[in-house]
Amino acid sequence: MNFEYNELPVSIIGNVAQQEIKLTIQHAIGEDSGIWKPEQVANGVKNKNNTHAIEVEKEGDYLVSCRRWPKECPGPIWGGIPSENPKNLYEYKTIHPKKVQIKIANQILEQEISEQQEAVTFRVHLKKGKTLLVNNFINENESYGVYYTYITALKAKSI
């Protein structure tokens, strides 16, 4: 058996060459059909795919920011149209998740979402090695994958 094909491809965090990485629902792992197009995000299509394979290259503190819109086209999570709407190409619909939940390296964290909030950010301490990040927008009766997630390595404080 060739074990090379039994491992998930990982996104590496904690490398000095790249302080921040962006994960999208397009690359999320799961059993649901994929979201492949920006118009699906604009339309608020909900998808159960919510898992990303991560390799932590350096132990330390990280920020995990969960968003509806990418940083280059920001807007509130609850908003139907991003603040910088690129050329009105799509039909935009609002989503209204109550909170965001992440699960990473034996940590489960949740935060409620406020009306104008563009990102829900968690600070986590991660040890070197492979792990899975599971992130969801949550309503009363449903959960679905976060559209855009940014993971930023925080610099260690000098003593």
N, C-alpha and C. Protein backbone atom coordinates (compact mmCIF):
# COMPACT_ATOMS: atom_id res chain seq x y z
N MET A 1 0.84 -1.19 0.00
CA MET A 1 0.00 0.00 0.00
C MET A 1 0.88 1.25 0.00
N ASN A 2 0.54 2.21 -0.81
CA ASN A 2 1.30 3.45 -0.89
C ASN A 2 0.72 4.46 0.10
N PHE A 3 1.43 4.71 1.19
CA PHE A 3 0.93 5.59 2.25
C PHE A 3 0.93 7.05 1.84
N GLU A 4 1.64 7.37 0.78
CA GLU A 4 1.69 8.75 0.30
C GLU A 4 0.29 9.29 0.00
N TYR A 5 -0.62 8.45 -0.42
CA TYR A 5 -1.96 8.89 -0.80
C TYR A 5 -2.96 8.80 0.35
N ASN A 6 -2.52 8.41 1.53
CA ASN A 6 -3.41 8.32 2.68
C ASN A 6 -3.35 9.56 3.57
N GLU A 7 -2.48 10.49 3.28
CA GLU A 7 -2.36 11.69 4.09
C GLU A 7 -3.03 12.86 3.40
N LEU A 8 -3.62 13.71 4.21
CA LEU A 8 -4.22 14.93 3.67
C LEU A 8 -3.13 15.96 3.40
N PRO A 9 -3.24 16.74 2.35
CA PRO A 9 -2.30 17.84 2.15
C PRO A 9 -2.52 18.87 3.25
N VAL A 10 -1.45 19.42 3.77
CA VAL A 10 -1.55 20.35 4.90
C VAL A 10 -1.18 21.77 4.47
N SER A 11 -1.74 22.73 5.19
CA SER A 11 -1.33 24.12 5.09
C SER A 11 -0.38 24.36 6.25
N ILE A 12 0.79 24.91 5.96
CA ILE A 12 1.82 25.09 6.98
C ILE A 12 1.67 26.47 7.60
N ILE A 13 1.66 26.49 8.94
CA ILE A 13 1.64 27.76 9.67
C ILE A 13 2.86 27.82 10.57
N GLY A 14 3.28 29.04 10.90
CA GLY A 14 4.43 29.22 11.78
C GLY A 14 5.76 29.27 11.07
N ASN A 15 5.75 29.41 9.76
CA ASN A 15 6.99 29.54 9.00
C ASN A 15 7.34 31.02 8.88
N VAL A 16 8.61 31.36 9.07
CA VAL A 16 9.02 32.76 9.02
C VAL A 16 8.79 33.39 7.65
N ALA A 17 8.74 32.59 6.61
CA ALA A 17 8.55 33.12 5.26
C ALA A 17 7.11 33.55 5.00
N GLN A 18 6.18 33.10 5.82
CA GLN A 18 4.77 33.46 5.62
C GLN A 18 4.11 33.61 6.98
N GLN A 19 3.95 34.85 7.40
CA GLN A 19 3.39 35.16 8.72
C GLN A 19 1.92 34.78 8.83
N GLU A 20 1.20 34.86 7.70
CA GLU A 20 -0.24 34.61 7.72
C GLU A 20 -0.63 33.73 6.53
N ILE A 21 -1.58 32.82 6.76
CA ILE A 21 -2.13 32.04 5.65
C ILE A 21 -3.63 32.27 5.58
N LYS A 22 -4.17 32.07 4.38
CA LYS A 22 -5.61 32.18 4.17
C LYS A 22 -6.15 30.82 3.76
N LEU A 23 -7.20 30.38 4.46
CA LEU A 23 -7.90 29.14 4.13
C LEU A 23 -9.29 29.51 3.66
N THR A 24 -9.75 28.87 2.60
CA THR A 24 -11.08 29.18 2.07
C THR A 24 -11.96 27.94 2.13
N ILE A 25 -13.25 28.16 2.10
CA ILE A 25 -14.19 27.04 2.11
C ILE A 25 -14.01 26.18 0.84
N GLN A 26 -13.45 26.78 -0.21
CA GLN A 26 -13.19 26.03 -1.43
C GLN A 26 -12.27 24.83 -1.16
N HIS A 27 -11.36 24.99 -0.22
CA HIS A 27 -10.39 23.94 0.08
C HIS A 27 -10.73 23.14 1.33
N ALA A 28 -11.87 23.42 1.95
CA ALA A 28 -12.26 22.71 3.16
C ALA A 28 -12.61 21.25 2.85
N ILE A 29 -12.31 20.40 3.80
CA ILE A 29 -12.55 18.97 3.67
C ILE A 29 -13.92 18.65 4.28
N GLY A 30 -14.64 17.74 3.65
CA GLY A 30 -15.92 17.32 4.20
C GLY A 30 -16.68 16.47 3.20
N GLU A 31 -17.87 16.09 3.58
CA GLU A 31 -18.69 15.21 2.75
C GLU A 31 -19.68 15.96 1.87
N ASP A 32 -19.81 17.26 2.05
CA ASP A 32 -20.75 18.06 1.28
C ASP A 32 -20.17 18.34 -0.11
N SER A 33 -21.03 18.71 -1.05
CA SER A 33 -20.51 19.14 -2.35
C SER A 33 -19.76 20.45 -2.15
N GLY A 34 -18.78 20.70 -2.96
CA GLY A 34 -17.92 21.85 -2.74
C GLY A 34 -18.53 23.18 -3.13
N ILE A 35 -17.98 24.23 -2.54
CA ILE A 35 -18.25 25.60 -2.98
C ILE A 35 -17.02 26.01 -3.78
N TRP A 36 -17.22 26.30 -5.06
CA TRP A 36 -16.09 26.55 -5.95
C TRP A 36 -16.06 27.96 -6.49
N LYS A 37 -17.14 28.70 -6.40
CA LYS A 37 -17.24 29.98 -7.08
C LYS A 37 -17.50 31.11 -6.09
N PRO A 38 -16.94 32.30 -6.35
CA PRO A 38 -17.20 33.43 -5.46
C PRO A 38 -18.68 33.80 -5.41
N GLU A 39 -19.41 33.55 -6.48
CA GLU A 39 -20.85 33.88 -6.45
C GLU A 39 -21.60 33.00 -5.46
N GLN A 40 -21.08 31.80 -5.17
CA GLN A 40 -21.72 30.95 -4.16
C GLN A 40 -21.56 31.56 -2.76
N VAL A 41 -20.40 32.14 -2.50
CA VAL A 41 -20.19 32.84 -1.23
C VAL A 41 -21.09 34.08 -1.19
N ALA A 42 -21.13 34.83 -2.27
CA ALA A 42 -21.98 36.02 -2.33
C ALA A 42 -23.45 35.67 -2.10
N ASN A 43 -23.89 34.54 -2.61
CA ASN A 43 -25.27 34.09 -2.44
C ASN A 43 -25.54 33.47 -1.07
N GLY A 44 -24.51 33.38 -0.23
CA GLY A 44 -24.68 32.81 1.10
C GLY A 44 -24.95 31.32 1.10
N VAL A 45 -24.44 30.62 0.08
CA VAL A 45 -24.62 29.16 0.02
C VAL A 45 -23.95 28.55 1.25
N LYS A 46 -24.67 27.71 1.95
CA LYS A 46 -24.16 27.08 3.17
C LYS A 46 -23.65 25.69 2.84
N ASN A 47 -22.52 25.34 3.43
CA ASN A 47 -21.83 24.11 3.10
C ASN A 47 -21.29 23.48 4.37
N LYS A 48 -21.42 22.19 4.51
CA LYS A 48 -20.97 21.48 5.71
C LYS A 48 -19.46 21.24 5.74
N ASN A 49 -18.78 21.45 4.61
CA ASN A 49 -17.33 21.26 4.60
C ASN A 49 -16.70 22.32 5.51
N ASN A 50 -15.95 21.86 6.51
CA ASN A 50 -15.50 22.79 7.55
C ASN A 50 -14.14 22.45 8.14
N THR A 51 -13.39 21.57 7.51
CA THR A 51 -12.16 21.06 8.11
C THR A 51 -10.96 21.37 7.22
N HIS A 52 -9.87 21.79 7.88
CA HIS A 52 -8.62 22.09 7.18
C HIS A 52 -7.49 21.35 7.89
N ALA A 53 -6.63 20.69 7.13
CA ALA A 53 -5.45 20.02 7.68
C ALA A 53 -4.33 21.05 7.81
N ILE A 54 -3.76 21.13 9.00
CA ILE A 54 -2.75 22.14 9.32
C ILE A 54 -1.50 21.44 9.82
N GLU A 55 -0.35 21.99 9.46
CA GLU A 55 0.90 21.58 10.10
C GLU A 55 1.51 22.80 10.76
N VAL A 56 1.67 22.72 12.07
CA VAL A 56 2.27 23.80 12.85
C VAL A 56 3.77 23.58 12.81
N GLU A 57 4.48 24.49 12.15
CA GLU A 57 5.92 24.34 12.02
C GLU A 57 6.66 24.78 13.28
N LYS A 58 6.07 25.75 14.00
CA LYS A 58 6.73 26.27 15.20
C LYS A 58 5.69 26.45 16.29
N GLU A 59 5.96 25.87 17.45
CA GLU A 59 5.05 26.05 18.59
C GLU A 59 4.95 27.52 18.95
N GLY A 60 3.74 27.95 19.27
CA GLY A 60 3.55 29.34 19.67
C GLY A 60 2.09 29.74 19.66
N ASP A 61 1.88 31.04 19.78
CA ASP A 61 0.53 31.60 19.79
C ASP A 61 0.15 32.05 18.38
N TYR A 62 -1.12 31.81 18.06
CA TYR A 62 -1.65 32.12 16.73
C TYR A 62 -3.01 32.77 16.87
N LEU A 63 -3.32 33.64 15.92
CA LEU A 63 -4.66 34.19 15.79
C LEU A 63 -5.38 33.45 14.67
N VAL A 64 -6.60 33.01 14.95
CA VAL A 64 -7.44 32.36 13.95
C VAL A 64 -8.64 33.28 13.74
N SER A 65 -8.72 33.91 12.57
CA SER A 65 -9.79 34.87 12.27
C SER A 65 -10.74 34.26 11.25
N CYS A 66 -12.02 34.20 11.63
CA CYS A 66 -13.06 33.61 10.78
C CYS A 66 -13.90 34.72 10.19
N ARG A 67 -14.12 34.68 8.85
CA ARG A 67 -14.75 35.79 8.15
C ARG A 67 -15.75 35.28 7.10
N ARG A 68 -16.69 36.14 6.74
CA ARG A 68 -17.57 35.88 5.59
C ARG A 68 -16.87 36.31 4.31
N TRP A 69 -16.21 37.46 4.36
CA TRP A 69 -15.57 38.05 3.18
C TRP A 69 -14.06 38.05 3.34
N PRO A 70 -13.32 37.97 2.24
CA PRO A 70 -11.85 38.02 2.34
C PRO A 70 -11.39 39.42 2.74
N LYS A 71 -10.19 39.51 3.27
CA LYS A 71 -9.64 40.81 3.69
C LYS A 71 -9.59 41.82 2.55
N GLU A 72 -9.34 41.34 1.34
CA GLU A 72 -9.21 42.27 0.21
C GLU A 72 -10.57 42.81 -0.26
N CYS A 73 -11.65 42.28 0.25
CA CYS A 73 -13.00 42.73 -0.10
C CYS A 73 -13.84 42.68 1.19
N PRO A 74 -13.49 43.48 2.20
CA PRO A 74 -14.06 43.33 3.54
C PRO A 74 -15.53 43.73 3.64
N GLY A 75 -16.15 43.21 4.67
CA GLY A 75 -17.53 43.55 4.99
C GLY A 75 -17.96 42.76 6.21
N PRO A 76 -19.05 43.17 6.85
CA PRO A 76 -19.50 42.47 8.04
C PRO A 76 -20.00 41.06 7.73
N ILE A 77 -19.83 40.17 8.69
CA ILE A 77 -20.28 38.78 8.53
C ILE A 77 -21.76 38.75 8.20
N TRP A 78 -22.56 39.57 8.90
CA TRP A 78 -24.00 39.57 8.68
C TRP A 78 -24.40 40.34 7.43
N GLY A 79 -23.50 41.09 6.85
CA GLY A 79 -23.85 41.90 5.70
C GLY A 79 -23.98 41.09 4.42
N GLY A 80 -24.90 41.48 3.58
CA GLY A 80 -25.08 40.80 2.32
C GLY A 80 -24.12 41.27 1.24
N ILE A 81 -23.62 42.49 1.39
CA ILE A 81 -22.72 43.05 0.38
C ILE A 81 -21.45 43.51 1.08
N PRO A 82 -20.28 43.10 0.59
CA PRO A 82 -19.04 43.57 1.21
C PRO A 82 -18.88 45.07 1.05
N SER A 83 -18.11 45.67 1.94
CA SER A 83 -17.91 47.12 1.93
C SER A 83 -17.34 47.61 0.60
N GLU A 84 -16.42 46.85 0.05
CA GLU A 84 -15.82 47.20 -1.24
C GLU A 84 -16.31 46.20 -2.27
N ASN A 85 -17.51 46.43 -2.76
CA ASN A 85 -18.15 45.52 -3.70
C ASN A 85 -17.45 45.59 -5.06
N PRO A 86 -16.81 44.52 -5.48
CA PRO A 86 -16.09 44.57 -6.76
C PRO A 86 -17.02 44.45 -7.97
N LYS A 87 -17.36 45.58 -8.55
CA LYS A 87 -18.06 45.67 -9.83
C LYS A 87 -19.49 45.10 -9.84
N ASN A 88 -20.10 44.90 -8.69
CA ASN A 88 -21.47 44.39 -8.63
C ASN A 88 -21.68 43.17 -9.52
N LEU A 89 -20.78 42.23 -9.45
CA LEU A 89 -20.84 41.06 -10.34
C LEU A 89 -21.85 40.01 -9.90
N TYR A 90 -22.22 39.99 -8.62
CA TYR A 90 -23.01 38.88 -8.11
C TYR A 90 -24.28 39.37 -7.43
N GLU A 91 -25.17 38.42 -7.18
CA GLU A 91 -26.34 38.67 -6.34
C GLU A 91 -25.92 38.34 -4.90
N TYR A 92 -25.98 39.34 -4.03
CA TYR A 92 -25.52 39.17 -2.66
C TYR A 92 -26.69 38.91 -1.72
N LYS A 93 -26.51 37.96 -0.80
CA LYS A 93 -27.53 37.64 0.19
C LYS A 93 -26.91 37.65 1.58
N THR A 94 -27.69 38.05 2.56
CA THR A 94 -27.18 38.08 3.93
C THR A 94 -27.20 36.68 4.54
N ILE A 95 -26.31 36.49 5.47
CA ILE A 95 -26.35 35.33 6.35
C ILE A 95 -26.38 35.89 7.77
N HIS A 96 -26.84 35.11 8.72
CA HIS A 96 -27.00 35.64 10.07
C HIS A 96 -26.62 34.61 11.13
N PRO A 97 -25.38 34.06 11.06
CA PRO A 97 -24.99 33.12 12.10
C PRO A 97 -24.89 33.83 13.45
N LYS A 98 -25.22 33.13 14.50
CA LYS A 98 -25.18 33.71 15.85
C LYS A 98 -23.78 33.69 16.44
N LYS A 99 -23.01 32.64 16.09
CA LYS A 99 -21.67 32.54 16.66
C LYS A 99 -20.75 31.75 15.73
N VAL A 100 -19.49 31.77 16.08
CA VAL A 100 -18.46 31.01 15.38
C VAL A 100 -17.84 30.04 16.38
N GLN A 101 -17.58 28.83 15.93
CA GLN A 101 -16.90 27.84 16.76
C GLN A 101 -15.70 27.32 15.99
N ILE A 102 -14.57 27.19 16.70
CA ILE A 102 -13.41 26.51 16.13
C ILE A 102 -13.02 25.36 17.05
N LYS A 103 -12.50 24.32 16.41
CA LYS A 103 -11.91 23.19 17.13
C LYS A 103 -10.53 23.00 16.52
N ILE A 104 -9.51 23.06 17.36
CA ILE A 104 -8.14 22.87 16.88
C ILE A 104 -7.28 22.36 18.03
N ALA A 105 -6.54 21.30 17.78
CA ALA A 105 -5.57 20.77 18.75
C ALA A 105 -6.17 20.63 20.14
N ASN A 106 -7.26 19.91 20.26
CA ASN A 106 -7.94 19.64 21.54
C ASN A 106 -8.48 20.89 22.22
N GLN A 107 -8.72 21.94 21.47
CA GLN A 107 -9.33 23.16 22.00
C GLN A 107 -10.64 23.39 21.25
N ILE A 108 -11.70 23.70 21.99
CA ILE A 108 -12.98 24.06 21.39
C ILE A 108 -13.33 25.45 21.91
N LEU A 109 -13.45 26.41 21.00
CA LEU A 109 -13.71 27.80 21.38
C LEU A 109 -14.89 28.33 20.59
N GLU A 110 -15.70 29.18 21.24
CA GLU A 110 -16.85 29.80 20.58
C GLU A 110 -16.91 31.27 20.95
N GLN A 111 -17.41 32.07 20.00
CA GLN A 111 -17.68 33.48 20.25
C GLN A 111 -18.94 33.87 19.51
N GLU A 112 -19.71 34.75 20.14
CA GLU A 112 -20.89 35.30 19.47
C GLU A 112 -20.46 36.35 18.47
N ILE A 113 -21.30 36.58 17.48
CA ILE A 113 -21.03 37.56 16.42
C ILE A 113 -21.89 38.79 16.67
N SER A 114 -21.28 39.97 16.57
CA SER A 114 -22.04 41.22 16.70
C SER A 114 -22.35 41.77 15.31
N GLU A 115 -23.23 42.74 15.26
CA GLU A 115 -23.82 43.21 14.00
C GLU A 115 -22.81 43.66 12.95
N GLN A 116 -21.85 44.48 13.29
CA GLN A 116 -20.92 45.03 12.31
C GLN A 116 -19.57 44.30 12.27
N GLN A 117 -19.47 43.20 12.95
CA GLN A 117 -18.20 42.49 13.06
C GLN A 117 -17.79 41.86 11.73
N GLU A 118 -16.57 42.16 11.30
CA GLU A 118 -16.03 41.60 10.05
C GLU A 118 -15.36 40.26 10.27
N ALA A 119 -14.81 40.05 11.46
CA ALA A 119 -14.10 38.81 11.76
C ALA A 119 -14.31 38.44 13.22
N VAL A 120 -14.33 37.16 13.48
CA VAL A 120 -14.31 36.65 14.84
C VAL A 120 -12.94 36.02 15.01
N THR A 121 -12.17 36.53 15.97
CA THR A 121 -10.78 36.13 16.11
C THR A 121 -10.54 35.43 17.44
N PHE A 122 -9.84 34.32 17.35
CA PHE A 122 -9.49 33.51 18.52
C PHE A 122 -7.97 33.49 18.64
N ARG A 123 -7.48 33.53 19.88
CA ARG A 123 -6.05 33.35 20.13
C ARG A 123 -5.86 31.95 20.69
N VAL A 124 -4.99 31.18 20.04
CA VAL A 124 -4.74 29.80 20.47
C VAL A 124 -3.24 29.55 20.58
N HIS A 125 -2.89 28.66 21.48
CA HIS A 125 -1.50 28.20 21.58
C HIS A 125 -1.43 26.82 20.93
N LEU A 126 -0.53 26.67 19.98
CA LEU A 126 -0.42 25.42 19.24
C LEU A 126 0.98 24.85 19.37
N LYS A 127 1.05 23.54 19.52
CA LYS A 127 2.33 22.84 19.56
C LYS A 127 2.69 22.39 18.15
N LYS A 128 3.98 22.17 17.94
CA LYS A 128 4.47 21.73 16.65
C LYS A 128 3.85 20.38 16.28
N GLY A 129 3.47 20.25 14.99
CA GLY A 129 2.92 18.99 14.52
C GLY A 129 1.66 19.20 13.69
N LYS A 130 1.07 18.09 13.28
CA LYS A 130 -0.13 18.14 12.43
C LYS A 130 -1.39 18.14 13.29
N THR A 131 -2.40 18.86 12.83
CA THR A 131 -3.69 18.91 13.50
C THR A 131 -4.75 19.27 12.47
N LEU A 132 -5.99 19.22 12.89
CA LEU A 132 -7.10 19.64 12.05
C LEU A 132 -7.75 20.87 12.66
N LEU A 133 -8.11 21.82 11.82
CA LEU A 133 -8.92 22.96 12.22
C LEU A 133 -10.33 22.72 11.69
N VAL A 134 -11.30 22.73 12.58
CA VAL A 134 -12.71 22.63 12.20
C VAL A 134 -13.34 23.96 12.59
N ASN A 135 -13.94 24.66 11.62
CA ASN A 135 -14.54 25.96 11.95
C ASN A 135 -15.92 26.08 11.34
N ASN A 136 -16.85 26.60 12.14
CA ASN A 136 -18.25 26.68 11.73
C ASN A 136 -18.88 28.02 12.10
N PHE A 137 -19.76 28.49 11.22
CA PHE A 137 -20.75 29.47 11.60
C PHE A 137 -21.91 28.66 12.19
N ILE A 138 -22.51 29.15 13.28
CA ILE A 138 -23.56 28.39 13.96
C ILE A 138 -24.81 29.24 14.14
N ASN A 139 -25.95 28.67 13.76
CA ASN A 139 -27.28 29.20 14.06
C ASN A 139 -27.92 28.26 15.06
N GLU A 140 -29.18 28.52 15.41
CA GLU A 140 -29.87 27.66 16.37
C GLU A 140 -29.92 26.21 15.89
N ASN A 141 -30.26 26.00 14.63
CA ASN A 141 -30.52 24.65 14.13
C ASN A 141 -29.48 24.11 13.17
N GLU A 142 -28.48 24.89 12.83
CA GLU A 142 -27.54 24.44 11.81
C GLU A 142 -26.15 25.00 12.04
N SER A 143 -25.18 24.31 11.47
CA SER A 143 -23.82 24.82 11.43
C SER A 143 -23.30 24.58 10.02
N TYR A 144 -22.41 25.47 9.59
CA TYR A 144 -21.85 25.36 8.25
C TYR A 144 -20.47 26.00 8.23
N GLY A 145 -19.66 25.60 7.27
CA GLY A 145 -18.27 26.03 7.20
C GLY A 145 -18.09 27.52 7.05
N VAL A 146 -17.01 28.02 7.65
CA VAL A 146 -16.62 29.43 7.54
C VAL A 146 -16.03 29.64 6.15
N TYR A 147 -16.38 30.76 5.51
CA TYR A 147 -15.94 31.01 4.13
C TYR A 147 -14.44 31.34 4.04
N TYR A 148 -13.96 32.21 4.91
CA TYR A 148 -12.55 32.61 4.87
C TYR A 148 -11.97 32.57 6.28
N THR A 149 -10.80 31.94 6.41
CA THR A 149 -10.12 31.86 7.70
C THR A 149 -8.67 32.27 7.50
N TYR A 150 -8.21 33.15 8.35
CA TYR A 150 -6.82 33.60 8.33
C TYR A 150 -6.15 33.14 9.61
N ILE A 151 -4.97 32.53 9.48
CA ILE A 151 -4.20 32.12 10.66
C ILE A 151 -2.89 32.90 10.63
N THR A 152 -2.65 33.63 11.72
CA THR A 152 -1.49 34.50 11.82
C THR A 152 -0.63 34.06 12.99
N ALA A 153 0.66 33.87 12.74
CA ALA A 153 1.60 33.55 13.81
C ALA A 153 1.95 34.83 14.55
N LEU A 154 1.88 34.76 15.88
CA LEU A 154 2.26 35.91 16.70
C LEU A 154 3.72 35.77 17.06
N LYS A 155 4.41 36.87 17.06
CA LYS A 155 5.84 36.84 17.40
C LYS A 155 6.00 36.63 18.90
N ALA A 156 6.99 35.83 19.26
CA ALA A 156 7.28 35.59 20.68
C ALA A 156 7.84 36.86 21.30
N LYS A 157 7.46 37.11 22.53
CA LYS A 157 7.95 38.30 23.24
C LYS A 157 9.37 38.06 23.72
N SER A 158 10.20 39.08 23.58
CA SER A 158 11.57 39.00 24.08
C SER A 158 11.57 39.31 25.57
N ILE A 159 12.35 38.56 26.31
CA ILE A 159 12.41 38.78 27.76
C ILE A 159 13.70 39.46 28.13
